[in-house]
Amino acid sequence: MLYTNLKHLMTAADHKKLISENENVMVCCGRMGPMCIPVYGIMEDIQDEYPHVVFADMEFDNPEAHVIRNAPETKIFMGIPFTMYYKNGKLVKATSSIQSKGQVTSILDREFEISDVLV
């Protein structure tokens, strides 16, 4: 288990359910290592700023994480974590390796923009 304050996805079924029941989802699939921990920290820090996004993690070494590890979009990835962004059940962006807060929020703002109607 990952020691974060994020929602933990333990099975492929959990992953499928989360992305099918929520409009905007960010999942970070990694380990408790130096490239992954900063991304989890960013996600924890910005959760309140993005209430329209569900933030979750999944352990990279869990066999159930095959849904992320074997996704066509991650085939060329060389470093963890694999970070996946889903909109209405569809993958809209995938990144790998360490990211800055600015990189993460830029993707969130672009892919999960709050419409003017909701503001």
Protein backbone atom coordinates (compact mmCIF):
# COMPACT_ATOMS: atom_id res chain seq x y z
CA MET A 1 0.00 0.00 0.00
CA LEU A 2 1.11 3.52 -0.71
CA TYR A 3 1.30 5.79 2.33
CA THR A 4 -0.47 8.84 0.97
CA ASN A 5 -3.60 10.78 1.85
CA LEU A 6 -5.08 9.97 -1.54
CA LYS A 7 -7.80 7.51 -2.48
CA HIS A 8 -6.11 4.11 -2.94
CA LEU A 9 -7.00 1.93 -5.91
CA MET A 10 -6.30 -1.70 -5.06
CA THR A 11 -7.83 -3.53 -8.04
CA ALA A 12 -8.44 -3.06 -11.74
CA ALA A 13 -12.14 -3.08 -10.86
CA ASP A 14 -11.60 -0.18 -8.41
CA HIS A 15 -9.84 1.72 -11.21
CA LYS A 16 -12.61 1.06 -13.71
CA LYS A 17 -15.31 2.04 -11.22
CA LEU A 18 -13.55 5.28 -10.24
CA ILE A 19 -13.07 6.51 -13.79
CA SER A 20 -16.57 5.47 -14.86
CA GLU A 21 -18.32 7.17 -11.92
CA ASN A 22 -16.38 10.45 -11.90
CA GLU A 23 -16.05 13.07 -14.62
CA ASN A 24 -12.45 14.09 -13.84
CA VAL A 25 -9.87 11.72 -12.37
CA MET A 26 -6.11 11.87 -11.86
CA VAL A 27 -4.37 8.60 -10.94
CA CYS A 28 -0.69 8.38 -10.02
CA CYS A 29 0.71 4.85 -10.32
CA GLY A 30 4.05 4.46 -8.60
CA ARG A 31 6.05 3.46 -5.55
CA MET A 32 7.16 5.24 -2.39
CA GLY A 33 10.33 6.40 -4.14
CA PRO A 34 12.09 9.70 -4.89
CA MET A 35 10.41 10.25 -8.27
CA CYS A 36 6.91 9.38 -7.07
CA ILE A 37 6.62 10.93 -3.60
CA PRO A 38 6.78 14.54 -4.90
CA VAL A 39 3.89 13.86 -7.30
CA TYR A 40 1.77 12.35 -4.50
CA GLY A 41 2.60 15.41 -2.39
CA ILE A 42 1.49 17.77 -5.14
CA MET A 43 -1.76 15.85 -5.52
CA GLU A 44 -2.40 15.99 -1.77
CA ASP A 45 -1.61 19.72 -1.67
CA ILE A 46 -3.94 20.70 -4.52
CA GLN A 47 -6.96 18.49 -3.77
CA ASP A 48 -8.85 21.38 -2.17
CA GLU A 49 -8.09 23.66 -5.15
CA TYR A 50 -9.62 21.13 -7.55
CA PRO A 51 -12.80 19.84 -5.90
CA HIS A 52 -14.11 18.80 -9.34
CA VAL A 53 -11.23 16.27 -9.70
CA VAL A 54 -10.85 12.95 -7.89
CA PHE A 55 -7.22 12.23 -6.97
CA ALA A 56 -6.11 8.63 -6.47
CA ASP A 57 -3.01 6.45 -6.35
CA MET A 58 -2.25 2.89 -7.37
CA GLU A 59 0.76 0.81 -6.42
CA PHE A 60 2.89 0.18 -9.52
CA ASP A 61 3.99 -3.30 -8.39
CA ASN A 62 0.44 -4.47 -7.72
CA PRO A 63 -0.49 -6.99 -10.45
CA GLU A 64 -3.83 -5.17 -10.71
CA ALA A 65 -2.00 -2.05 -11.96
CA HIS A 66 -1.70 -3.74 -15.34
CA VAL A 67 -4.58 -1.48 -16.42
CA ILE A 68 -2.14 1.43 -16.22
CA ARG A 69 1.22 -0.27 -16.87
CA ASN A 70 -0.06 -1.94 -20.07
CA ALA A 71 -2.08 0.95 -21.46
CA PRO A 72 -1.04 1.78 -25.03
CA GLU A 73 -0.20 5.33 -23.92
CA THR A 74 2.39 4.08 -21.40
CA LYS A 75 4.29 1.66 -23.66
CA ILE A 76 7.13 4.14 -24.25
CA PHE A 77 7.37 5.35 -20.64
CA MET A 78 10.78 4.82 -19.04
CA GLY A 79 10.26 6.13 -15.50
CA ILE A 80 7.67 6.08 -12.77
CA PRO A 81 5.26 7.31 -11.67
CA PHE A 82 2.83 6.89 -14.52
CA THR A 83 0.24 9.64 -14.12
CA MET A 84 -3.06 9.24 -15.88
CA TYR A 85 -5.76 11.87 -16.42
CA TYR A 86 -9.28 10.66 -17.26
CA LYS A 87 -12.24 12.72 -18.49
CA ASN A 88 -15.65 11.04 -18.65
CA GLY A 89 -14.05 7.60 -18.46
CA LYS A 90 -11.55 8.25 -21.26
CA LEU A 91 -7.81 8.77 -20.92
CA VAL A 92 -7.02 12.32 -22.05
CA LYS A 93 -3.40 12.65 -20.91
CA ALA A 94 -0.65 10.37 -19.61
CA THR A 95 2.75 11.42 -18.25
CA SER A 96 5.68 9.70 -16.62
CA SER A 97 8.42 10.53 -14.16
CA ILE A 98 8.60 13.36 -11.66
CA GLN A 99 6.55 16.48 -12.34
CA SER A 100 6.42 19.95 -10.84
CA LYS A 101 3.29 21.49 -9.38
CA GLY A 102 3.15 23.79 -12.41
CA GLN A 103 3.22 20.88 -14.83
CA VAL A 104 0.44 19.05 -12.95
CA THR A 105 -1.81 22.10 -12.57
CA SER A 106 -1.27 23.05 -16.22
CA ILE A 107 -2.62 19.65 -17.30
CA LEU A 108 -5.50 19.83 -14.80
CA ASP A 109 -6.46 23.32 -15.95
CA ARG A 110 -6.33 22.36 -19.63
CA GLU A 111 -8.03 18.95 -19.44
CA PHE A 112 -10.49 19.56 -16.59
CA GLU A 113 -11.48 23.17 -17.12
CA ILE A 114 -14.51 24.25 -15.13
CA SER A 115 -17.09 25.60 -17.55
CA ASP A 116 -18.28 29.17 -17.13
CA VAL A 117 -21.76 27.83 -16.41
CA LEU A 118 -20.55 26.19 -13.18
CA VAL A 119 -18.56 29.17 -11.90
